[in-house]
Amino acid sequence: HVDQNRDALGAFKAKNAIEGGAYRMYDA
């Protein structure tokens, strides 16, 4: 299961628009 501490995103830069769109939804 998602763990808010172990699965936090940290620094991230999308490499394309598809990845950028997906990661706008990720919030551990």
PDB file of all heavy atoms in Angstrom:
ATOM      1  N   HIS A   1       0.847  -1.184   0.000  1.00  0.00           N
ATOM      2  CA  HIS A   1       0.000   0.000   0.000  1.00  0.00           C
ATOM      3  C   HIS A   1       0.888   1.242   0.000  1.00  0.00           C
ATOM      4  O   HIS A   1       2.036   1.201   0.471  1.00  0.00           O
ATOM      5  CB  HIS A   1      -0.908   0.041   1.233  1.00  0.00           C
ATOM      6  CG  HIS A   1      -1.867  -1.107   1.309  1.00  0.00           C
ATOM      7  ND1 HIS A   1      -1.510  -2.335   1.835  1.00  0.00           N
ATOM      8  CD2 HIS A   1      -3.156  -1.233   0.918  1.00  0.00           C
ATOM      9  CE1 HIS A   1      -2.536  -3.164   1.767  1.00  0.00           C
ATOM     10  NE2 HIS A   1      -3.551  -2.526   1.212  1.00  0.00           N
ATOM     11  N   VAL A   2       0.370   2.334  -0.529  1.00  0.00           N
ATOM     12  CA  VAL A   2       1.125   3.584  -0.553  1.00  0.00           C
ATOM     13  C   VAL A   2       1.422   4.011   0.884  1.00  0.00           C
ATOM     14  O   VAL A   2       0.549   3.967   1.755  1.00  0.00           O
ATOM     15  CB  VAL A   2       0.334   4.690  -1.271  1.00  0.00           C
ATOM     16  CG1 VAL A   2       1.139   5.997  -1.261  1.00  0.00           C
ATOM     17  CG2 VAL A   2       0.010   4.287  -2.707  1.00  0.00           C
ATOM     18  N   ASP A   3       2.661   4.413   1.107  1.00  0.00           N
ATOM     19  CA  ASP A   3       3.092   4.921   2.413  1.00  0.00           C
ATOM     20  C   ASP A   3       3.510   6.379   2.243  1.00  0.00           C
ATOM     21  O   ASP A   3       4.416   6.677   1.470  1.00  0.00           O
ATOM     22  CB  ASP A   3       4.264   4.080   2.938  1.00  0.00           C
ATOM     23  CG  ASP A   3       4.689   4.483   4.332  1.00  0.00           C
ATOM     24  OD1 ASP A   3       5.261   5.583   4.478  1.00  0.00           O
ATOM     25  OD2 ASP A   3       4.452   3.705   5.269  1.00  0.00           O
ATOM     26  N   GLN A   4       2.855   7.269   2.944  1.00  0.00           N
ATOM     27  CA  GLN A   4       3.088   8.694   2.735  1.00  0.00           C
ATOM     28  C   GLN A   4       4.518   9.124   3.043  1.00  0.00           C
ATOM     29  O   GLN A   4       4.994  10.139   2.516  1.00  0.00           O
ATOM     30  CB  GLN A   4       2.116   9.520   3.585  1.00  0.00           C
ATOM     31  CG  GLN A   4       2.203   9.279   5.069  1.00  0.00           C
ATOM     32  CD  GLN A   4       1.119  10.034   5.831  1.00  0.00           C
ATOM     33  OE1 GLN A   4       0.486  10.942   5.297  1.00  0.00           O
ATOM     34  NE2 GLN A   4       0.888   9.654   7.084  1.00  0.00           N
ATOM     35  N   ASN A   5       5.209   8.371   3.876  1.00  0.00           N
ATOM     36  CA  ASN A   5       6.588   8.716   4.221  1.00  0.00           C
ATOM     37  C   ASN A   5       7.584   8.052   3.274  1.00  0.00           C
ATOM     38  O   ASN A   5       8.470   8.707   2.725  1.00  0.00           O
ATOM     39  CB  ASN A   5       6.881   8.313   5.671  1.00  0.00           C
ATOM     40  CG  ASN A   5       6.004   9.064   6.665  1.00  0.00           C
ATOM     41  OD1 ASN A   5       5.826  10.280   6.547  1.00  0.00           O
ATOM     42  ND2 ASN A   5       5.449   8.344   7.632  1.00  0.00           N
ATOM     43  N   ARG A   6       7.430   6.769   3.040  1.00  0.00           N
ATOM     44  CA  ARG A   6       8.378   6.025   2.196  1.00  0.00           C
ATOM     45  C   ARG A   6       8.231   6.375   0.723  1.00  0.00           C
ATOM     46  O   ARG A   6       9.192   6.234  -0.044  1.00  0.00           O
ATOM     47  CB  ARG A   6       8.187   4.531   2.382  1.00  0.00           C
ATOM     48  CG  ARG A   6       8.410   4.040   3.803  1.00  0.00           C
ATOM     49  CD  ARG A   6       8.022   2.577   3.957  1.00  0.00           C
ATOM     50  NE  ARG A   6       8.931   1.698   3.239  1.00  0.00           N
ATOM     51  CZ  ARG A   6       8.744   0.385   3.128  1.00  0.00           C
ATOM     52  NH1 ARG A   6       7.666  -0.166   3.646  1.00  0.00           N
ATOM     53  NH2 ARG A   6       9.615  -0.343   2.478  1.00  0.00           N
ATOM     54  N   ASP A   7       7.048   6.826   0.317  1.00  0.00           N
ATOM     55  CA  ASP A   7       6.776   7.011  -1.106  1.00  0.00           C
ATOM     56  C   ASP A   7       6.633   8.468  -1.519  1.00  0.00           C
ATOM     57  O   ASP A   7       6.092   8.767  -2.582  1.00  0.00           O
ATOM     58  CB  ASP A   7       5.505   6.243  -1.483  1.00  0.00           C
ATOM     59  CG  ASP A   7       5.631   4.753  -1.205  1.00  0.00           C
ATOM     60  OD1 ASP A   7       6.735   4.221  -1.384  1.00  0.00           O
ATOM     61  OD2 ASP A   7       4.624   4.124  -0.803  1.00  0.00           O
ATOM     62  N   ALA A   8       7.118   9.389  -0.682  1.00  0.00           N
ATOM     63  CA  ALA A   8       7.068  10.806  -1.052  1.00  0.00           C
ATOM     64  C   ALA A   8       7.901  11.036  -2.306  1.00  0.00           C
ATOM     65  O   ALA A   8       8.929  10.378  -2.524  1.00  0.00           O
ATOM     66  CB  ALA A   8       7.575  11.657   0.100  1.00  0.00           C
ATOM     67  N   LEU A   9       7.493  11.975  -3.127  1.00  0.00           N
ATOM     68  CA  LEU A   9       8.122  12.162  -4.436  1.00  0.00           C
ATOM     69  C   LEU A   9       9.487  12.821  -4.380  1.00  0.00           C
ATOM     70  O   LEU A   9      10.439  12.375  -5.011  1.00  0.00           O
ATOM     71  CB  LEU A   9       7.190  12.973  -5.343  1.00  0.00           C
ATOM     72  CG  LEU A   9       7.682  13.216  -6.776  1.00  0.00           C
ATOM     73  CD1 LEU A   9       7.951  11.883  -7.482  1.00  0.00           C
ATOM     74  CD2 LEU A   9       6.642  14.019  -7.553  1.00  0.00           C
ATOM     75  N   GLY A  10       9.623  13.906  -3.645  1.00  0.00           N
ATOM     76  CA  GLY A  10      10.891  14.619  -3.634  1.00  0.00           C
ATOM     77  C   GLY A  10      11.082  15.419  -4.910  1.00  0.00           C
ATOM     78  O   GLY A  10      10.135  15.672  -5.672  1.00  0.00           O
ATOM     79  N   ALA A  11      12.321  15.797  -5.188  1.00  0.00           N
ATOM     80  CA  ALA A  11      12.608  16.594  -6.388  1.00  0.00           C
ATOM     81  C   ALA A  11      12.303  15.788  -7.639  1.00  0.00           C
ATOM     82  O   ALA A  11      12.662  14.619  -7.745  1.00  0.00           O
ATOM     83  CB  ALA A  11      14.072  17.030  -6.380  1.00  0.00           C
ATOM     84  N   PHE A  12      11.612  16.423  -8.575  1.00  0.00           N
ATOM     85  CA  PHE A  12      11.207  15.704  -9.788  1.00  0.00           C
ATOM     86  C   PHE A  12      11.049  16.692 -10.937  1.00  0.00           C
ATOM     87  O   PHE A  12      10.465  17.754 -10.783  1.00  0.00           O
ATOM     88  CB  PHE A  12       9.887  14.964  -9.560  1.00  0.00           C
ATOM     89  CG  PHE A  12       9.377  14.226 -10.773  1.00  0.00           C
ATOM     90  CD1 PHE A  12       9.877  12.980 -11.088  1.00  0.00           C
ATOM     91  CD2 PHE A  12       8.428  14.801 -11.603  1.00  0.00           C
ATOM     92  CE1 PHE A  12       9.422  12.296 -12.203  1.00  0.00           C
ATOM     93  CE2 PHE A  12       7.954  14.133 -12.719  1.00  0.00           C
ATOM     94  CZ  PHE A  12       8.466  12.880 -13.023  1.00  0.00           C
ATOM     95  N   LYS A  13      11.582  16.302 -12.095  1.00  0.00           N
ATOM     96  CA  LYS A  13      11.411  17.096 -13.316  1.00  0.00           C
ATOM     97  C   LYS A  13      10.922  16.166 -14.418  1.00  0.00           C
ATOM     98  O   LYS A  13      11.581  15.201 -14.765  1.00  0.00           O
ATOM     99  CB  LYS A  13      12.726  17.761 -13.731  1.00  0.00           C
ATOM    100  CG  LYS A  13      12.577  18.640 -14.978  1.00  0.00           C
ATOM    101  CD  LYS A  13      13.887  19.303 -15.338  1.00  0.00           C
ATOM    102  CE  LYS A  13      13.716  20.178 -16.593  1.00  0.00           C
ATOM    103  NZ  LYS A  13      14.998  20.824 -16.980  1.00  0.00           N
ATOM    104  N   ALA A  14       9.749  16.459 -14.949  1.00  0.00           N
ATOM    105  CA  ALA A  14       9.163  15.613 -15.987  1.00  0.00           C
ATOM    106  C   ALA A  14       9.990  15.679 -17.257  1.00  0.00           C
ATOM    107  O   ALA A  14      10.459  16.749 -17.662  1.00  0.00           O
ATOM    108  CB  ALA A  14       7.731  16.049 -16.269  1.00  0.00           C
ATOM    109  N   LYS A  15      10.149  14.524 -17.929  1.00  0.00           N
ATOM    110  CA  LYS A  15      10.941  14.481 -19.157  1.00  0.00           C
ATOM    111  C   LYS A  15      10.098  14.648 -20.403  1.00  0.00           C
ATOM    112  O   LYS A  15      10.636  14.764 -21.505  1.00  0.00           O
ATOM    113  CB  LYS A  15      11.732  13.173 -19.218  1.00  0.00           C
ATOM    114  CG  LYS A  15      10.882  11.906 -19.185  1.00  0.00           C
ATOM    115  CD  LYS A  15      11.750  10.658 -19.092  1.00  0.00           C
ATOM    116  CE  LYS A  15      10.901   9.392 -19.030  1.00  0.00           C
ATOM    117  NZ  LYS A  15      11.726   8.175 -18.868  1.00  0.00           N
ATOM    118  N   ASN A  16       8.762  14.640 -20.255  1.00  0.00           N
ATOM    119  CA  ASN A  16       7.873  14.882 -21.390  1.00  0.00           C
ATOM    120  C   ASN A  16       6.507  15.280 -20.860  1.00  0.00           C
ATOM    121  O   ASN A  16       6.235  15.188 -19.657  1.00  0.00           O
ATOM    122  CB  ASN A  16       7.783  13.648 -22.306  1.00  0.00           C
ATOM    123  CG  ASN A  16       7.254  12.424 -21.583  1.00  0.00           C
ATOM    124  OD1 ASN A  16       6.096  12.367 -21.199  1.00  0.00           O
ATOM    125  ND2 ASN A  16       8.131  11.430 -21.373  1.00  0.00           N
ATOM    126  N   ALA A  17       5.607  15.706 -21.749  1.00  0.00           N
ATOM    127  CA  ALA A  17       4.291  16.195 -21.334  1.00  0.00           C
ATOM    128  C   ALA A  17       3.424  15.101 -20.727  1.00  0.00           C
ATOM    129  O   ALA A  17       2.624  15.367 -19.818  1.00  0.00           O
ATOM    130  CB  ALA A  17       3.583  16.819 -22.536  1.00  0.00           C
ATOM    131  N   ILE A  18       3.546  13.863 -21.221  1.00  0.00           N
ATOM    132  CA  ILE A  18       2.740  12.768 -20.682  1.00  0.00           C
ATOM    133  C   ILE A  18       3.143  12.495 -19.236  1.00  0.00           C
ATOM    134  O   ILE A  18       2.291  12.347 -18.352  1.00  0.00           O
ATOM    135  CB  ILE A  18       2.897  11.503 -21.541  1.00  0.00           C
ATOM    136  CG1 ILE A  18       2.399  11.762 -22.966  1.00  0.00           C
ATOM    137  CG2 ILE A  18       2.143  10.330 -20.915  1.00  0.00           C
ATOM    138  CD1 ILE A  18       2.611  10.595 -23.911  1.00  0.00           C
ATOM    139  N   GLU A  19       4.434  12.430 -18.990  1.00  0.00           N
ATOM    140  CA  GLU A  19       4.919  12.208 -17.635  1.00  0.00           C
ATOM    141  C   GLU A  19       4.537  13.370 -16.729  1.00  0.00           C
ATOM    142  O   GLU A  19       4.124  13.173 -15.579  1.00  0.00           O
ATOM    143  CB  GLU A  19       6.436  12.020 -17.643  1.00  0.00           C
ATOM    144  CG  GLU A  19       7.011  11.626 -16.304  1.00  0.00           C
ATOM    145  CD  GLU A  19       8.484  11.274 -16.397  1.00  0.00           C
ATOM    146  OE1 GLU A  19       9.309  12.196 -16.556  1.00  0.00           O
ATOM    147  OE2 GLU A  19       8.803  10.072 -16.327  1.00  0.00           O
ATOM    148  N   GLY A  20       4.647  14.589 -17.232  1.00  0.00           N
ATOM    149  CA  GLY A  20       4.282  15.754 -16.445  1.00  0.00           C
ATOM    150  C   GLY A  20       2.823  15.723 -16.036  1.00  0.00           C
ATOM    151  O   GLY A  20       2.474  16.020 -14.884  1.00  0.00           O
ATOM    152  N   GLY A  21       1.954  15.361 -16.977  1.00  0.00           N
ATOM    153  CA  GLY A  21       0.532  15.271 -16.664  1.00  0.00           C
ATOM    154  C   GLY A  21       0.235  14.218 -15.627  1.00  0.00           C
ATOM    155  O   GLY A  21      -0.563  14.432 -14.704  1.00  0.00           O
ATOM    156  N   ALA A  22       0.874  13.065 -15.754  1.00  0.00           N
ATOM    157  CA  ALA A  22       0.651  11.985 -14.793  1.00  0.00           C
ATOM    158  C   ALA A  22       1.096  12.390 -13.398  1.00  0.00           C
ATOM    159  O   ALA A  22       0.380  12.184 -12.411  1.00  0.00           O
ATOM    160  CB  ALA A  22       1.378  10.725 -15.255  1.00  0.00           C
ATOM    161  N   TYR A  23       2.271  12.978 -13.310  1.00  0.00           N
ATOM    162  CA  TYR A  23       2.824  13.282 -11.993  1.00  0.00           C
ATOM    163  C   TYR A  23       2.158  14.465 -11.305  1.00  0.00           C
ATOM    164  O   TYR A  23       2.335  14.661 -10.100  1.00  0.00           O
ATOM    165  CB  TYR A  23       4.341  13.484 -12.089  1.00  0.00           C
ATOM    166  CG  TYR A  23       5.088  12.191 -11.873  1.00  0.00           C
ATOM    167  CD1 TYR A  23       5.264  11.288 -12.908  1.00  0.00           C
ATOM    168  CD2 TYR A  23       5.561  11.838 -10.619  1.00  0.00           C
ATOM    169  CE1 TYR A  23       5.923  10.082 -12.710  1.00  0.00           C
ATOM    170  CE2 TYR A  23       6.223  10.638 -10.402  1.00  0.00           C
ATOM    171  CZ  TYR A  23       6.397   9.771 -11.452  1.00  0.00           C
ATOM    172  OH  TYR A  23       7.036   8.571 -11.246  1.00  0.00           O
ATOM    173  N   ARG A  24       1.367  15.241 -12.017  1.00  0.00           N
ATOM    174  CA  ARG A  24       0.592  16.282 -11.354  1.00  0.00           C
ATOM    175  C   ARG A  24      -0.449  15.686 -10.413  1.00  0.00           C
ATOM    176  O   ARG A  24      -0.970  16.362  -9.527  1.00  0.00           O
ATOM    177  CB  ARG A  24      -0.076  17.196 -12.384  1.00  0.00           C
ATOM    178  CG  ARG A  24       0.837  18.280 -12.924  1.00  0.00           C
ATOM    179  CD  ARG A  24       0.095  19.335 -13.712  1.00  0.00           C
ATOM    180  NE  ARG A  24      -0.300  18.877 -15.033  1.00  0.00           N
ATOM    181  CZ  ARG A  24       0.479  18.939 -16.105  1.00  0.00           C
ATOM    182  NH1 ARG A  24       1.721  19.414 -16.001  1.00  0.00           N
ATOM    183  NH2 ARG A  24       0.048  18.518 -17.279  1.00  0.00           N
ATOM    184  N   MET A  25      -0.752  14.410 -10.604  1.00  0.00           N
ATOM    185  CA  MET A  25      -1.734  13.740  -9.749  1.00  0.00           C
ATOM    186  C   MET A  25      -1.108  12.991  -8.586  1.00  0.00           C
ATOM    187  O   MET A  25      -1.820  12.556  -7.672  1.00  0.00           O
ATOM    188  CB  MET A  25      -2.554  12.744 -10.590  1.00  0.00           C
ATOM    189  CG  MET A  25      -3.409  13.384 -11.652  1.00  0.00           C
ATOM    190  SD  MET A  25      -4.385  12.157 -12.557  1.00  0.00           S
ATOM    191  CE  MET A  25      -3.118  11.388 -13.582  1.00  0.00           C
ATOM    192  N   TYR A  26       0.205  12.804  -8.593  1.00  0.00           N
ATOM    193  CA  TYR A  26       0.828  11.967  -7.570  1.00  0.00           C
ATOM    194  C   TYR A  26       1.028  12.738  -6.274  1.00  0.00           C
ATOM    195  O   TYR A  26       1.707  13.772  -6.231  1.00  0.00           O
ATOM    196  CB  TYR A  26       2.169  11.423  -8.056  1.00  0.00           C
ATOM    197  CG  TYR A  26       2.798  10.465  -7.059  1.00  0.00           C
ATOM    198  CD1 TYR A  26       2.291   9.176  -6.912  1.00  0.00           C
ATOM    199  CD2 TYR A  26       3.860  10.848  -6.258  1.00  0.00           C
ATOM    200  CE1 TYR A  26       2.837   8.299  -5.992  1.00  0.00           C
ATOM    201  CE2 TYR A  26       4.424   9.978  -5.339  1.00  0.00           C
ATOM    202  CZ  TYR A  26       3.908   8.701  -5.207  1.00  0.00           C
ATOM    203  OH  TYR A  26       4.453   7.839  -4.290  1.00  0.00           O
ATOM    204  N   ASP A  27       0.441  12.235  -5.216  1.00  0.00           N
ATOM    205  CA  ASP A  27       0.556  12.837  -3.893  1.00  0.00           C
ATOM    206  C   ASP A  27       0.514  11.693  -2.880  1.00  0.00           C
ATOM    207  O   ASP A  27      -0.550  11.169  -2.562  1.00  0.00           O
ATOM    208  CB  ASP A  27      -0.592  13.818  -3.654  1.00  0.00           C
ATOM    209  CG  ASP A  27      -0.447  14.594  -2.348  1.00  0.00           C
ATOM    210  OD1 ASP A  27       0.041  14.007  -1.358  1.00  0.00           O
ATOM    211  OD2 ASP A  27      -0.836  15.781  -2.311  1.00  0.00           O
ATOM    212  N   ALA A  28       1.677  11.300  -2.397  1.00  0.00           N
ATOM    213  CA  ALA A  28       1.761  10.137  -1.512  1.00  0.00           C
ATOM    214  C   ALA A  28       0.958  10.335  -0.228  1.00  0.00           C
ATOM    215  O   ALA A  28       0.424   9.363   0.324  1.00  0.00           O
ATOM    216  CB  ALA A  28       3.220   9.831  -1.180  1.00  0.00           C
TER     217      ALA A  28
END
